[in-house]
N, C-alpha and C. Protein backbone atom coordinates (compact mmCIF):
# COMPACT_ATOMS: atom_id res chain seq x y z
N MET A 1 0.84 -1.17 0.00
CA MET A 1 0.00 0.00 0.00
C MET A 1 0.89 1.24 0.00
N VAL A 2 0.56 2.17 -0.85
CA VAL A 2 1.34 3.38 -1.00
C VAL A 2 0.83 4.44 -0.05
N LYS A 3 1.74 5.04 0.69
CA LYS A 3 1.39 6.17 1.55
C LYS A 3 2.24 7.35 1.14
N GLN A 4 1.60 8.46 0.91
CA GLN A 4 2.30 9.69 0.54
C GLN A 4 1.65 10.84 1.30
N GLU A 5 2.44 11.54 2.08
CA GLU A 5 1.91 12.66 2.83
C GLU A 5 2.30 13.96 2.13
N LYS A 6 1.35 14.86 2.08
CA LYS A 6 1.60 16.15 1.45
C LYS A 6 2.37 17.03 2.43
N ARG A 7 3.50 17.54 1.96
CA ARG A 7 4.30 18.41 2.81
C ARG A 7 3.76 19.83 2.79
N GLN A 8 4.09 20.54 3.81
CA GLN A 8 3.64 21.92 3.90
C GLN A 8 4.30 22.74 2.78
N GLY A 9 3.49 23.47 2.04
CA GLY A 9 4.00 24.30 0.96
C GLY A 9 4.19 23.55 -0.36
N GLU A 10 3.91 22.25 -0.37
CA GLU A 10 4.07 21.45 -1.59
C GLU A 10 2.82 21.58 -2.45
N SER A 11 3.01 21.82 -3.74
CA SER A 11 1.86 21.96 -4.62
C SER A 11 1.22 20.60 -4.86
N PHE A 12 -0.05 20.66 -5.24
CA PHE A 12 -0.77 19.42 -5.49
C PHE A 12 -0.16 18.66 -6.66
N ASP A 13 0.31 19.38 -7.69
CA ASP A 13 0.90 18.73 -8.85
C ASP A 13 2.14 17.91 -8.47
N ASN A 14 3.02 18.50 -7.66
CA ASN A 14 4.21 17.77 -7.21
C ASN A 14 3.84 16.56 -6.36
N PHE A 15 2.86 16.76 -5.48
CA PHE A 15 2.39 15.67 -4.63
C PHE A 15 1.83 14.54 -5.48
N TYR A 16 1.03 14.87 -6.49
CA TYR A 16 0.41 13.86 -7.35
C TYR A 16 1.45 13.12 -8.18
N LYS A 17 2.47 13.83 -8.66
CA LYS A 17 3.55 13.20 -9.43
C LYS A 17 4.29 12.17 -8.57
N LYS A 18 4.60 12.55 -7.33
CA LYS A 18 5.30 11.63 -6.42
C LYS A 18 4.45 10.40 -6.15
N PHE A 19 3.15 10.63 -5.95
CA PHE A 19 2.24 9.53 -5.66
C PHE A 19 2.17 8.56 -6.84
N LYS A 20 2.03 9.09 -8.06
CA LYS A 20 1.96 8.25 -9.25
C LYS A 20 3.26 7.47 -9.44
N ARG A 21 4.40 8.11 -9.19
CA ARG A 21 5.71 7.46 -9.33
C ARG A 21 5.81 6.29 -8.35
N LYS A 22 5.34 6.49 -7.10
CA LYS A 22 5.39 5.41 -6.11
C LYS A 22 4.49 4.25 -6.54
N LEU A 23 3.31 4.57 -7.07
CA LEU A 23 2.41 3.52 -7.55
C LEU A 23 3.06 2.72 -8.66
N LYS A 24 3.72 3.43 -9.59
CA LYS A 24 4.34 2.75 -10.73
C LYS A 24 5.49 1.88 -10.26
N ASN A 25 6.35 2.39 -9.38
CA ASN A 25 7.49 1.64 -8.89
C ASN A 25 7.07 0.40 -8.10
N GLU A 26 5.97 0.53 -7.37
CA GLU A 26 5.49 -0.58 -6.56
C GLU A 26 4.75 -1.61 -7.41
N GLY A 27 4.27 -1.20 -8.58
CA GLY A 27 3.58 -2.11 -9.49
C GLY A 27 2.11 -2.31 -9.14
N THR A 28 1.54 -1.42 -8.36
CA THR A 28 0.16 -1.56 -7.92
C THR A 28 -0.82 -1.49 -9.08
N LEU A 29 -0.69 -0.47 -9.93
CA LEU A 29 -1.62 -0.32 -11.04
C LEU A 29 -1.48 -1.44 -12.05
N GLN A 30 -0.26 -1.86 -12.32
CA GLN A 30 -0.03 -2.93 -13.26
C GLN A 30 -0.68 -4.22 -12.76
N GLU A 31 -0.55 -4.49 -11.47
CA GLU A 31 -1.16 -5.67 -10.88
C GLU A 31 -2.68 -5.58 -10.94
N LEU A 32 -3.21 -4.40 -10.70
CA LEU A 32 -4.65 -4.21 -10.75
C LEU A 32 -5.19 -4.46 -12.15
N ARG A 33 -4.50 -3.95 -13.15
CA ARG A 33 -4.93 -4.16 -14.53
C ARG A 33 -4.83 -5.64 -14.92
N LYS A 34 -3.80 -6.29 -14.41
CA LYS A 34 -3.59 -7.70 -14.72
C LYS A 34 -4.71 -8.56 -14.12
N ARG A 35 -5.17 -8.20 -12.94
CA ARG A 35 -6.19 -8.97 -12.25
C ARG A 35 -7.61 -8.50 -12.52
N GLU A 36 -7.76 -7.53 -13.41
CA GLU A 36 -9.09 -6.97 -13.68
C GLU A 36 -10.03 -8.04 -14.24
N PHE A 37 -9.51 -8.90 -15.11
CA PHE A 37 -10.31 -9.97 -15.70
C PHE A 37 -9.64 -11.31 -15.42
N PHE A 38 -10.44 -12.35 -15.34
CA PHE A 38 -9.91 -13.68 -15.11
C PHE A 38 -9.16 -14.14 -16.35
N THR A 39 -8.02 -14.72 -16.15
CA THR A 39 -7.22 -15.27 -17.25
C THR A 39 -7.06 -16.76 -17.02
N LYS A 40 -7.41 -17.54 -18.03
CA LYS A 40 -7.32 -19.00 -17.90
C LYS A 40 -5.85 -19.39 -17.74
N PRO A 41 -5.59 -20.44 -16.97
CA PRO A 41 -4.21 -20.90 -16.80
C PRO A 41 -3.51 -21.23 -18.12
N SER A 42 -4.27 -21.77 -19.08
CA SER A 42 -3.66 -22.10 -20.37
C SER A 42 -3.23 -20.82 -21.10
N ASP A 43 -4.00 -19.75 -20.95
CA ASP A 43 -3.63 -18.47 -21.58
C ASP A 43 -2.38 -17.88 -20.93
N ILE A 44 -2.28 -18.04 -19.61
CA ILE A 44 -1.10 -17.56 -18.90
C ILE A 44 0.14 -18.31 -19.39
N LYS A 45 0.00 -19.63 -19.55
CA LYS A 45 1.10 -20.46 -20.02
C LYS A 45 1.52 -20.05 -21.43
N LYS A 46 0.54 -19.81 -22.31
CA LYS A 46 0.84 -19.38 -23.68
C LYS A 46 1.56 -18.05 -23.69
N GLU A 47 1.14 -17.12 -22.85
CA GLU A 47 1.76 -15.80 -22.79
C GLU A 47 3.21 -15.90 -22.32
N LYS A 48 3.46 -16.75 -21.32
CA LYS A 48 4.82 -16.95 -20.82
C LYS A 48 5.71 -17.54 -21.89
N GLU A 49 5.18 -18.50 -22.64
CA GLU A 49 5.95 -19.11 -23.73
C GLU A 49 6.26 -18.08 -24.81
N LYS A 50 5.30 -17.23 -25.11
CA LYS A 50 5.49 -16.19 -26.11
C LYS A 50 6.59 -15.21 -25.67
N GLN A 51 6.55 -14.82 -24.40
CA GLN A 51 7.57 -13.92 -23.87
C GLN A 51 8.94 -14.57 -23.91
N ALA A 52 9.01 -15.87 -23.63
CA ALA A 52 10.29 -16.58 -23.66
C ALA A 52 10.83 -16.62 -25.08
N ARG A 53 9.98 -16.87 -26.06
CA ARG A 53 10.41 -16.86 -27.46
C ARG A 53 10.94 -15.49 -27.86
N ASN A 54 10.24 -14.44 -27.44
CA ASN A 54 10.68 -13.08 -27.76
C ASN A 54 12.02 -12.76 -27.12
N ARG A 55 12.20 -13.19 -25.86
CA ARG A 55 13.48 -12.96 -25.19
C ARG A 55 14.60 -13.67 -25.93
N THR A 56 14.34 -14.90 -26.33
CA THR A 56 15.35 -15.68 -27.05
C THR A 56 15.69 -15.02 -28.37
N ARG A 57 14.67 -14.58 -29.09
CA ARG A 57 14.88 -13.93 -30.38
C ARG A 57 15.69 -12.64 -30.23
N MET A 58 15.37 -11.86 -29.23
CA MET A 58 16.09 -10.61 -29.00
C MET A 58 17.55 -10.89 -28.61
N GLN A 59 17.77 -11.93 -27.81
CA GLN A 59 19.12 -12.29 -27.40
C GLN A 59 19.94 -12.74 -28.60
N GLN A 60 19.31 -13.50 -29.51
CA GLN A 60 20.02 -13.95 -30.71
C GLN A 60 20.37 -12.79 -31.60
N LYS A 61 19.48 -11.81 -31.72
CA LYS A 61 19.77 -10.62 -32.53
C LYS A 61 20.93 -9.84 -31.91
N ALA A 62 20.94 -9.73 -30.59
CA ALA A 62 22.02 -9.01 -29.92
C ALA A 62 23.35 -9.73 -30.11
N ASP A 63 23.33 -11.06 -30.09
CA ASP A 63 24.53 -11.84 -30.27
C ASP A 63 25.07 -11.70 -31.70
N GLU A 64 24.17 -11.59 -32.67
CA GLU A 64 24.59 -11.43 -34.06
C GLU A 64 25.30 -10.10 -34.28
N LEU A 65 24.86 -9.07 -33.57
CA LEU A 65 25.45 -7.74 -33.74
C LEU A 65 26.83 -7.64 -33.11
N THR A 66 27.11 -8.47 -32.13
CA THR A 66 28.41 -8.42 -31.47
C THR A 66 29.39 -9.41 -32.01
């Protein structure tokens, strides 16, 4: 849970920017979006495999350049 206290003399814009940055760093919004809808276990497995293929492909491209 993110806690952000507004300091005396701090503008709302600065306070809001700090709050959003903490949310992003903590991964709260990303987790919320991920859990918004139910995802079947088979879909999760397919997505992980797809990400692994992409990582492998990117690594091979990087190796070719060096």
